[in-house]
Amino acid sequence: MSKDDWPTFTPEESRRIQQRTRQRGMTFEVFLPEGLSDWLKAKIDAGVFESPAEAAFVAFQDMHELDRHPEVRKQLLKAMIQSAMDDPRPSSPAAEVFDRIKARMIEDAKP
């Protein structure tokens, strides 16, 4: 089914749908660090997702499916680790990373 096959709802109907969905589900806020925020904005701009809420819904569906398939989750983790190990960019020593984090926290603590 494509998006064109979905019915069109009036604003009032959309509000009622959202209200009834919230009664059965959960609504919450989430903070995304800059890199994830930029990635999500690019996906929304490209039309992959209509909104951050839709992206979160899809992400939670994916996590739910991965919970049902632990062998797939393990394969994904291995692929992610291998990808990081194969990354040709130079790595940063841990001490350097922690120094940057501490400096950022000190800067963020200033008025």
N, C-alpha and C. Protein backbone atom coordinates (compact mmCIF):
# COMPACT_ATOMS: atom_id res chain seq x y z
N MET A 1 0.84 -1.18 0.00
CA MET A 1 0.00 0.00 0.00
C MET A 1 0.89 1.23 0.00
N SER A 2 0.64 2.13 -0.93
CA SER A 2 1.42 3.37 -1.00
C SER A 2 0.73 4.45 -0.18
N LYS A 3 1.46 5.55 0.01
CA LYS A 3 0.88 6.67 0.75
C LYS A 3 -0.38 7.20 0.06
N ASP A 4 -0.40 7.10 -1.26
CA ASP A 4 -1.56 7.58 -2.02
C ASP A 4 -2.82 6.78 -1.75
N ASP A 5 -2.65 5.55 -1.26
CA ASP A 5 -3.80 4.69 -0.98
C ASP A 5 -4.42 4.97 0.39
N TRP A 6 -3.74 5.76 1.22
CA TRP A 6 -4.26 6.06 2.55
C TRP A 6 -5.38 7.08 2.45
N PRO A 7 -6.38 6.98 3.31
CA PRO A 7 -7.45 7.97 3.29
C PRO A 7 -6.95 9.34 3.75
N THR A 8 -7.62 10.37 3.31
CA THR A 8 -7.32 11.72 3.74
C THR A 8 -8.27 12.08 4.87
N PHE A 9 -7.71 12.62 5.95
CA PHE A 9 -8.52 12.96 7.12
C PHE A 9 -8.56 14.47 7.31
N THR A 10 -9.65 14.94 7.84
CA THR A 10 -9.75 16.36 8.19
C THR A 10 -8.85 16.60 9.41
N PRO A 11 -8.51 17.85 9.68
CA PRO A 11 -7.70 18.12 10.88
C PRO A 11 -8.37 17.59 12.15
N GLU A 12 -9.68 17.71 12.25
CA GLU A 12 -10.39 17.21 13.44
C GLU A 12 -10.29 15.69 13.53
N GLU A 13 -10.43 15.00 12.41
CA GLU A 13 -10.31 13.54 12.41
C GLU A 13 -8.88 13.13 12.78
N SER A 14 -7.90 13.84 12.25
CA SER A 14 -6.50 13.55 12.59
C SER A 14 -6.25 13.74 14.08
N ARG A 15 -6.82 14.82 14.65
CA ARG A 15 -6.67 15.06 16.09
C ARG A 15 -7.28 13.92 16.89
N ARG A 16 -8.47 13.44 16.49
CA ARG A 16 -9.11 12.34 17.22
C ARG A 16 -8.30 11.05 17.10
N ILE A 17 -7.74 10.79 15.92
CA ILE A 17 -6.90 9.60 15.74
C ILE A 17 -5.70 9.67 16.66
N GLN A 18 -5.02 10.83 16.67
CA GLN A 18 -3.85 10.99 17.54
C GLN A 18 -4.23 10.83 19.00
N GLN A 19 -5.35 11.43 19.40
CA GLN A 19 -5.79 11.35 20.79
C GLN A 19 -6.07 9.90 21.19
N ARG A 20 -6.76 9.16 20.36
CA ARG A 20 -7.08 7.76 20.67
C ARG A 20 -5.82 6.89 20.67
N THR A 21 -4.91 7.19 19.77
CA THR A 21 -3.65 6.43 19.73
C THR A 21 -2.86 6.69 21.01
N ARG A 22 -2.80 7.93 21.44
CA ARG A 22 -2.07 8.27 22.67
C ARG A 22 -2.69 7.59 23.88
N GLN A 23 -4.00 7.43 23.89
CA GLN A 23 -4.66 6.77 25.02
C GLN A 23 -4.20 5.32 25.14
N ARG A 24 -3.87 4.71 24.01
CA ARG A 24 -3.45 3.31 24.03
C ARG A 24 -1.94 3.15 24.05
N GLY A 25 -1.23 4.21 23.75
CA GLY A 25 0.22 4.10 23.61
C GLY A 25 0.98 4.99 24.57
N MET A 26 2.08 5.54 24.08
CA MET A 26 2.96 6.35 24.91
C MET A 26 3.55 7.47 24.07
N THR A 27 3.62 8.64 24.64
CA THR A 27 4.25 9.78 24.01
C THR A 27 5.37 10.26 24.94
N PHE A 28 6.53 10.59 24.36
CA PHE A 28 7.64 11.05 25.18
C PHE A 28 8.57 11.90 24.34
N GLU A 29 9.49 12.59 25.01
CA GLU A 29 10.51 13.38 24.33
C GLU A 29 11.82 12.61 24.33
N VAL A 30 12.64 12.90 23.35
CA VAL A 30 13.96 12.29 23.29
C VAL A 30 14.96 13.35 22.83
N PHE A 31 16.15 13.33 23.39
CA PHE A 31 17.22 14.22 22.97
C PHE A 31 18.13 13.45 22.02
N LEU A 32 18.42 14.03 20.87
CA LEU A 32 19.36 13.43 19.93
C LEU A 32 20.62 14.29 19.89
N PRO A 33 21.79 13.67 20.02
CA PRO A 33 23.02 14.44 19.86
C PRO A 33 23.10 15.00 18.44
N GLU A 34 23.97 15.95 18.25
CA GLU A 34 24.05 16.68 16.99
C GLU A 34 24.15 15.78 15.76
N GLY A 35 24.99 14.77 15.81
CA GLY A 35 25.17 13.90 14.64
C GLY A 35 23.88 13.17 14.26
N LEU A 36 23.20 12.61 15.26
CA LEU A 36 21.94 11.92 14.99
C LEU A 36 20.85 12.90 14.56
N SER A 37 20.86 14.07 15.17
CA SER A 37 19.88 15.10 14.82
C SER A 37 20.05 15.50 13.35
N ASP A 38 21.29 15.73 12.93
CA ASP A 38 21.56 16.10 11.54
C ASP A 38 21.14 14.98 10.60
N TRP A 39 21.43 13.73 10.97
CA TRP A 39 21.06 12.58 10.14
C TRP A 39 19.54 12.53 9.99
N LEU A 40 18.82 12.70 11.10
CA LEU A 40 17.36 12.63 11.06
C LEU A 40 16.78 13.77 10.22
N LYS A 41 17.30 14.98 10.39
CA LYS A 41 16.82 16.10 9.59
C LYS A 41 17.01 15.83 8.10
N ALA A 42 18.16 15.26 7.74
CA ALA A 42 18.42 14.94 6.33
C ALA A 42 17.43 13.90 5.82
N LYS A 43 17.10 12.91 6.65
CA LYS A 43 16.14 11.88 6.25
C LYS A 43 14.75 12.48 6.06
N ILE A 44 14.37 13.40 6.94
CA ILE A 44 13.06 14.06 6.81
C ILE A 44 13.05 14.93 5.56
N ASP A 45 14.12 15.69 5.33
CA ASP A 45 14.22 16.53 4.13
C ASP A 45 14.15 15.70 2.85
N ALA A 46 14.70 14.48 2.90
CA ALA A 46 14.70 13.60 1.72
C ALA A 46 13.37 12.86 1.56
N GLY A 47 12.47 13.03 2.52
CA GLY A 47 11.17 12.38 2.42
C GLY A 47 11.14 10.95 2.92
N VAL A 48 12.22 10.49 3.56
CA VAL A 48 12.24 9.14 4.11
C VAL A 48 11.24 9.03 5.26
N PHE A 49 11.22 10.07 6.09
CA PHE A 49 10.27 10.16 7.20
C PHE A 49 9.52 11.48 7.07
N GLU A 50 8.28 11.49 7.53
CA GLU A 50 7.52 12.73 7.51
C GLU A 50 7.81 13.60 8.73
N SER A 51 8.24 12.96 9.82
CA SER A 51 8.44 13.70 11.06
C SER A 51 9.37 12.91 11.97
N PRO A 52 9.91 13.57 13.02
CA PRO A 52 10.69 12.84 14.01
C PRO A 52 9.86 11.74 14.68
N ALA A 53 8.57 11.99 14.87
CA ALA A 53 7.72 10.99 15.51
C ALA A 53 7.64 9.72 14.66
N GLU A 54 7.51 9.89 13.35
CA GLU A 54 7.45 8.72 12.47
C GLU A 54 8.77 7.96 12.50
N ALA A 55 9.89 8.69 12.50
CA ALA A 55 11.20 8.05 12.55
C ALA A 55 11.37 7.26 13.85
N ALA A 56 10.92 7.84 14.96
CA ALA A 56 11.01 7.12 16.25
C ALA A 56 10.16 5.87 16.23
N PHE A 57 8.98 5.97 15.65
CA PHE A 57 8.09 4.82 15.57
C PHE A 57 8.76 3.69 14.78
N VAL A 58 9.34 4.02 13.64
CA VAL A 58 10.02 3.02 12.82
C VAL A 58 11.22 2.44 13.56
N ALA A 59 11.98 3.29 14.25
CA ALA A 59 13.15 2.82 15.00
C ALA A 59 12.73 1.83 16.09
N PHE A 60 11.66 2.15 16.81
CA PHE A 60 11.21 1.24 17.86
C PHE A 60 10.66 -0.06 17.28
N GLN A 61 10.02 0.01 16.13
CA GLN A 61 9.58 -1.22 15.46
C GLN A 61 10.78 -2.09 15.11
N ASP A 62 11.83 -1.45 14.58
CA ASP A 62 13.05 -2.19 14.24
C ASP A 62 13.67 -2.85 15.48
N MET A 63 13.74 -2.10 16.58
CA MET A 63 14.31 -2.66 17.81
C MET A 63 13.46 -3.82 18.32
N HIS A 64 12.16 -3.68 18.21
CA HIS A 64 11.25 -4.75 18.63
C HIS A 64 11.51 -6.01 17.82
N GLU A 65 11.66 -5.86 16.51
CA GLU A 65 11.95 -7.01 15.65
C GLU A 65 13.30 -7.63 15.99
N LEU A 66 14.31 -6.79 16.24
CA LEU A 66 15.62 -7.33 16.60
C LEU A 66 15.57 -8.11 17.91
N ASP A 67 14.72 -7.69 18.85
CA ASP A 67 14.55 -8.45 20.09
C ASP A 67 14.01 -9.84 19.81
N ARG A 68 13.19 -9.95 18.79
CA ARG A 68 12.60 -11.25 18.45
C ARG A 68 13.59 -12.14 17.70
N HIS A 69 14.68 -11.54 17.20
CA HIS A 69 15.67 -12.29 16.42
C HIS A 69 17.07 -12.00 16.94
N PRO A 70 17.42 -12.57 18.10
CA PRO A 70 18.73 -12.26 18.71
C PRO A 70 19.92 -12.63 17.82
N GLU A 71 19.76 -13.64 16.97
CA GLU A 71 20.88 -14.01 16.09
C GLU A 71 21.15 -12.91 15.06
N VAL A 72 20.09 -12.25 14.61
CA VAL A 72 20.25 -11.13 13.67
C VAL A 72 20.89 -9.94 14.38
N ARG A 73 20.46 -9.69 15.62
CA ARG A 73 21.06 -8.60 16.40
C ARG A 73 22.56 -8.84 16.58
N LYS A 74 22.93 -10.08 16.85
CA LYS A 74 24.35 -10.42 17.03
C LYS A 74 25.12 -10.21 15.73
N GLN A 75 24.54 -10.61 14.60
CA GLN A 75 25.19 -10.40 13.30
C GLN A 75 25.35 -8.91 13.00
N LEU A 76 24.32 -8.13 13.34
CA LEU A 76 24.39 -6.69 13.12
C LEU A 76 25.50 -6.07 13.97
N LEU A 77 25.58 -6.46 15.23
CA LEU A 77 26.63 -5.94 16.11
C LEU A 77 28.01 -6.29 15.56
N LYS A 78 28.19 -7.53 15.09
CA LYS A 78 29.47 -7.93 14.51
C LYS A 78 29.80 -7.08 13.29
N ALA A 79 28.80 -6.83 12.44
CA ALA A 79 29.01 -6.02 11.24
C ALA A 79 29.37 -4.58 11.61
N MET A 80 28.74 -4.04 12.64
CA MET A 80 29.05 -2.69 13.08
C MET A 80 30.48 -2.59 13.62
N ILE A 81 30.89 -3.58 14.39
CA ILE A 81 32.25 -3.60 14.93
C ILE A 81 33.26 -3.73 13.80
N GLN A 82 32.98 -4.63 12.86
CA GLN A 82 33.89 -4.82 11.73
C GLN A 82 33.99 -3.54 10.90
N SER A 83 32.87 -2.86 10.70
CA SER A 83 32.88 -1.61 9.94
C SER A 83 33.74 -0.57 10.64
N ALA A 84 33.64 -0.49 11.95
CA ALA A 84 34.45 0.46 12.71
C ALA A 84 35.94 0.10 12.60
N MET A 85 36.22 -1.19 12.65
CA MET A 85 37.62 -1.62 12.56
C MET A 85 38.18 -1.37 11.16
N ASP A 86 37.34 -1.47 10.14
CA ASP A 86 37.79 -1.27 8.76
C ASP A 86 37.84 0.20 8.35
N ASP A 87 37.34 1.09 9.19
CA ASP A 87 37.31 2.52 8.88
C ASP A 87 38.73 3.02 8.70
N PRO A 88 39.05 3.58 7.53
CA PRO A 88 40.42 4.00 7.27
C PRO A 88 40.83 5.30 7.97
N ARG A 89 39.85 6.01 8.52
CA ARG A 89 40.20 7.26 9.20
C ARG A 89 41.05 6.96 10.43
N PRO A 90 41.96 7.86 10.75
CA PRO A 90 42.80 7.63 11.94
C PRO A 90 41.94 7.66 13.21
N SER A 91 42.25 6.78 14.13
CA SER A 91 41.50 6.75 15.38
C SER A 91 42.08 7.78 16.35
N SER A 92 41.29 8.10 17.36
CA SER A 92 41.74 9.04 18.39
C SER A 92 42.05 8.26 19.66
N PRO A 93 43.18 8.55 20.29
CA PRO A 93 43.49 7.90 21.56
C PRO A 93 42.41 8.23 22.60
N ALA A 94 42.11 7.28 23.45
CA ALA A 94 41.05 7.46 24.46
C ALA A 94 41.29 8.69 25.31
N ALA A 95 42.53 8.92 25.72
CA ALA A 95 42.83 10.07 26.58
C ALA A 95 42.46 11.38 25.86
N GLU A 96 42.72 11.43 24.57
CA GLU A 96 42.39 12.62 23.79
C GLU A 96 40.88 12.82 23.71
N VAL A 97 40.15 11.74 23.52
CA VAL A 97 38.69 11.81 23.47
C VAL A 97 38.14 12.30 24.80
N PHE A 98 38.62 11.72 25.90
CA PHE A 98 38.14 12.13 27.22
C PHE A 98 38.50 13.59 27.52
N ASP A 99 39.68 14.04 27.08
CA ASP A 99 40.05 15.44 27.26
C ASP A 99 39.09 16.37 26.52
N ARG A 100 38.70 15.98 25.30
CA ARG A 100 37.74 16.80 24.54
C ARG A 100 36.38 16.81 25.22
N ILE A 101 35.96 15.67 25.75
CA ILE A 101 34.67 15.59 26.46
C ILE A 101 34.69 16.48 27.69
N LYS A 102 35.78 16.38 28.48
CA LYS A 102 35.89 17.21 29.69
C LYS A 102 35.89 18.69 29.34
N ALA A 103 36.63 19.06 28.29
CA ALA A 103 36.69 20.47 27.88
C ALA A 103 35.30 20.95 27.45
N ARG A 104 34.57 20.13 26.74
CA ARG A 104 33.21 20.49 26.31
C ARG A 104 32.29 20.66 27.51
N MET A 105 32.41 19.77 28.48
CA MET A 105 31.57 19.88 29.69
C MET A 105 31.88 21.14 30.47
N ILE A 106 33.18 21.47 30.58
CA ILE A 106 33.57 22.70 31.27
C ILE A 106 33.01 23.90 30.53
N GLU A 107 33.10 23.90 29.22
CA GLU A 107 32.56 25.00 28.42
C GLU A 107 31.04 25.09 28.56
N ASP A 108 30.37 23.95 28.52
CA ASP A 108 28.91 23.94 28.66
C ASP A 108 28.45 24.37 30.04
N ALA A 109 29.30 24.23 31.05
CA ALA A 109 28.93 24.61 32.42
C ALA A 109 28.99 26.12 32.64
N LYS A 110 29.65 26.83 31.76
CA LYS A 110 29.79 28.28 31.91
C LYS A 110 28.44 28.96 31.66
N PRO A 111 28.20 30.09 32.36
CA PRO A 111 26.93 30.82 32.14
C PRO A 111 26.87 31.45 30.76
